[in-house]
Amino acid sequence: MIPPSQVRILEPQPNKKIITVIRQEKKSDKKKIFLLEEDVLGPGRYARPSFRLRESLEHNIKYSKVYCKAQKIIGSVRYFNCKIDNNNGLMLGPLIVDQKFKGRGIGKELVNKSISDIDKKKIDFIILIGEFDYYGQFGFERNHNIYFSLNVRKEKILLKKFSEKDITISGKIELY
């Protein structure tokens, strides 16, 4: 059963209600998300450093979310396990939303919901490769002391810390 806090009812026409839900990704969603990713990001995604870093890894389904409208997946956010020194983290990405629904706040809802569901006792940080202008609103900051095994522009590396202890997160990111 989906908790009422995760259900939103849109009323585009007076007599029709469309139910939207953000829920945890399921294994059975894999193909639908792949097709959505293909449609949204296209073949150019294979050249992006973020894709190349993740391509041989399995994402962490526990924290990955999908946005469904009338039971159709129209958005997704995935997380991958990573470490920097002894700090446990997650790498966010990709965040995708069906082109027909861009600009409606679906990406923001996915990011906010997924971040709120992360176990902050086990996870010290989230990292991503992306645009500060967008991800800054979620508390991500630039961090020039972190690096990947591939060449990534420093201004694109964004970090959100959770740890209550005063930790310094710097060094090479290890995805697993």
Protein backbone atom coordinates (compact mmCIF):
# COMPACT_ATOMS: atom_id res chain seq x y z
CA MET A 1 0.00 0.00 0.00
CA ILE A 2 1.29 3.44 -0.89
CA PRO A 3 1.23 5.92 2.00
CA PRO A 4 -1.13 8.89 1.42
CA SER A 5 1.81 11.30 1.80
CA GLN A 6 3.25 9.93 -1.45
CA VAL A 7 0.05 10.30 -3.50
CA ARG A 8 -0.86 13.45 -5.38
CA ILE A 9 -4.10 13.86 -7.33
CA LEU A 10 -4.07 16.07 -10.40
CA GLU A 11 -7.35 17.29 -11.84
CA PRO A 12 -6.72 18.28 -15.47
CA GLN A 13 -10.42 17.83 -16.38
CA PRO A 14 -13.40 18.24 -14.06
CA ASN A 15 -14.43 14.57 -14.05
CA LYS A 16 -11.05 12.85 -14.44
CA LYS A 17 -8.56 12.35 -11.64
CA ILE A 18 -5.04 11.24 -12.42
CA ILE A 19 -3.10 9.78 -9.52
CA THR A 20 0.63 10.41 -9.36
CA VAL A 21 2.95 8.56 -7.01
CA ILE A 22 6.63 8.66 -6.10
CA ARG A 23 7.70 5.20 -5.05
CA GLN A 24 10.79 3.08 -4.60
CA GLU A 25 12.04 1.60 -7.85
CA LYS A 26 11.32 -2.11 -8.39
CA LYS A 27 13.38 -4.62 -10.36
CA SER A 28 10.49 -4.90 -12.81
CA ASP A 29 10.90 -1.17 -13.67
CA LYS A 30 14.34 -1.69 -15.24
CA LYS A 31 13.29 -1.90 -18.90
CA LYS A 32 10.81 0.99 -18.64
CA ILE A 33 13.48 3.20 -17.05
CA PHE A 34 16.02 2.19 -19.70
CA LEU A 35 13.58 3.20 -22.47
CA LEU A 36 12.80 6.50 -20.72
CA GLU A 37 16.52 7.18 -20.29
CA GLU A 38 17.10 6.39 -23.96
CA ASP A 39 14.33 8.80 -24.98
CA VAL A 40 15.37 11.62 -22.63
CA LEU A 41 19.18 11.43 -22.83
CA GLY A 42 19.64 9.85 -26.27
CA PRO A 43 22.76 8.12 -27.54
CA GLY A 44 24.99 10.98 -26.35
CA ARG A 45 24.67 9.69 -22.80
CA TYR A 46 27.27 7.01 -23.50
CA ALA A 47 29.96 9.68 -23.90
CA ARG A 48 29.22 11.46 -20.62
CA PRO A 49 31.70 10.81 -17.79
CA SER A 50 28.86 10.21 -15.32
CA PHE A 51 27.45 7.44 -17.50
CA ARG A 52 30.86 5.87 -18.09
CA LEU A 53 31.56 5.82 -14.34
CA ARG A 54 28.30 4.00 -13.62
CA GLU A 55 27.90 1.78 -16.68
CA SER A 56 29.27 -1.46 -15.22
CA LEU A 57 27.69 -0.99 -11.78
CA GLU A 58 24.34 -1.97 -10.35
CA HIS A 59 22.46 0.95 -8.81
CA ASN A 60 21.20 0.97 -5.22
CA ILE A 61 17.52 0.17 -5.70
CA LYS A 62 16.77 0.91 -2.02
CA TYR A 63 17.20 4.66 -2.56
CA SER A 64 16.24 4.90 -6.26
CA LYS A 65 12.77 6.33 -6.96
CA VAL A 66 10.30 6.52 -9.83
CA TYR A 67 7.55 9.04 -10.48
CA CYS A 68 4.41 7.41 -11.86
CA LYS A 69 1.43 9.10 -13.45
CA ALA A 70 -1.55 6.80 -13.92
CA GLN A 71 0.84 3.88 -13.29
CA LYS A 72 3.20 4.97 -16.11
CA ILE A 73 6.79 5.85 -15.17
CA ILE A 74 7.48 9.43 -16.27
CA GLY A 75 10.50 10.16 -14.06
CA SER A 76 13.34 8.39 -12.30
CA VAL A 77 16.27 9.11 -10.03
CA ARG A 78 18.90 6.51 -9.30
CA TYR A 79 21.68 6.22 -6.75
CA PHE A 80 24.94 4.27 -6.81
CA ASN A 81 27.04 3.29 -3.80
CA CYS A 82 30.34 5.11 -3.39
CA LYS A 83 33.04 5.83 -0.82
CA ILE A 84 35.60 8.52 -0.20
CA ASP A 85 38.15 7.29 2.32
CA ASN A 86 36.01 5.84 5.14
CA ASN A 87 32.94 7.92 4.33
CA ASN A 88 29.95 6.09 2.84
CA GLY A 89 28.03 7.88 0.15
CA LEU A 90 25.72 7.70 -2.81
CA MET A 91 26.18 9.06 -6.31
CA LEU A 92 22.98 10.58 -7.69
CA GLY A 93 22.18 10.05 -11.34
CA PRO A 94 20.73 9.98 -13.72
CA LEU A 95 17.73 12.13 -12.89
CA ILE A 96 15.35 11.88 -15.85
CA VAL A 97 11.86 13.17 -16.62
CA ASP A 98 9.79 12.40 -19.70
CA GLN A 99 10.13 15.33 -22.15
CA LYS A 100 6.34 15.85 -22.18
CA PHE A 101 6.41 16.60 -18.44
CA LYS A 102 9.52 18.81 -18.16
CA GLY A 103 9.18 22.05 -16.23
CA ARG A 104 6.44 20.80 -13.90
CA GLY A 105 8.60 20.20 -10.82
CA ILE A 106 8.74 16.42 -11.19
CA GLY A 107 12.56 16.32 -11.01
CA LYS A 108 12.48 18.47 -7.86
CA GLU A 109 9.92 16.18 -6.25
CA LEU A 110 12.01 13.10 -7.08
CA VAL A 111 15.19 14.61 -5.66
CA ASN A 112 13.49 15.92 -2.51
CA LYS A 113 11.69 12.64 -1.81
CA SER A 114 14.74 10.49 -2.47
CA ILE A 115 16.98 12.65 -0.25
CA SER A 116 14.42 12.62 2.57
CA ASP A 117 14.33 8.80 2.48
CA ILE A 118 18.10 8.31 2.75
CA ASP A 119 19.32 6.74 6.00
CA LYS A 120 21.55 9.54 7.25
CA LYS A 121 23.03 7.29 9.94
CA LYS A 122 24.56 5.06 7.26
CA ILE A 123 25.15 7.57 4.46
CA ASP A 124 27.52 10.51 4.99
CA PHE A 125 27.07 12.28 1.65
CA ILE A 126 25.60 12.38 -1.84
CA ILE A 127 27.74 13.32 -4.79
CA LEU A 128 26.81 14.05 -8.38
CA ILE A 129 28.12 15.43 -11.62
CA GLY A 130 25.75 18.20 -12.64
CA GLU A 131 24.74 21.83 -12.71
CA PHE A 132 25.06 23.86 -9.52
CA ASP A 133 22.32 26.23 -10.72
CA TYR A 134 19.84 23.35 -10.44
CA TYR A 135 21.19 21.16 -7.64
CA GLY A 136 22.18 24.04 -5.35
CA GLN A 137 18.52 24.36 -4.32
CA PHE A 138 18.80 20.92 -2.66
CA GLY A 139 21.85 21.87 -0.59
CA PHE A 140 24.56 20.62 -2.95
CA GLU A 141 27.82 22.57 -2.99
CA ARG A 142 30.82 22.58 -5.26
CA ASN A 143 33.76 20.60 -3.92
CA HIS A 144 37.14 20.91 -5.64
CA ASN A 145 38.83 18.41 -3.31
CA ILE A 146 37.05 15.38 -4.79
CA TYR A 147 38.00 13.61 -7.98
CA PHE A 148 36.92 10.66 -10.09
CA SER A 149 38.96 8.09 -11.99
CA LEU A 150 37.82 9.81 -15.22
CA ASN A 151 38.38 13.40 -16.20
CA VAL A 152 35.43 15.42 -14.85
CA ARG A 153 35.23 19.22 -14.83
CA LYS A 154 35.71 20.32 -11.20
CA GLU A 155 32.84 22.82 -11.24
CA LYS A 156 30.43 19.96 -12.08
CA ILE A 157 31.31 17.89 -8.98
CA LEU A 158 28.66 18.65 -6.36
CA LEU A 159 28.41 17.35 -2.80
CA LYS A 160 25.73 17.27 -0.11
CA LYS A 161 26.93 16.20 3.35
CA PHE A 162 24.67 14.53 5.90
CA SER A 163 27.05 13.57 8.64
CA GLU A 164 26.47 15.35 11.91
CA LYS A 165 30.10 14.93 12.80
CA ASP A 166 32.44 17.48 11.31
CA ILE A 167 34.02 15.47 8.50
CA THR A 168 36.11 16.58 5.60
CA ILE A 169 35.24 14.82 2.40
CA SER A 170 38.10 14.91 -0.06
CA GLY A 171 39.93 12.46 -2.26
CA LYS A 172 39.12 9.94 -4.95
CA ILE A 173 35.58 8.65 -5.29
CA GLU A 174 35.26 4.89 -5.43
CA LEU A 175 32.03 3.59 -6.93
CA TYR A 176 30.97 0.04 -6.20
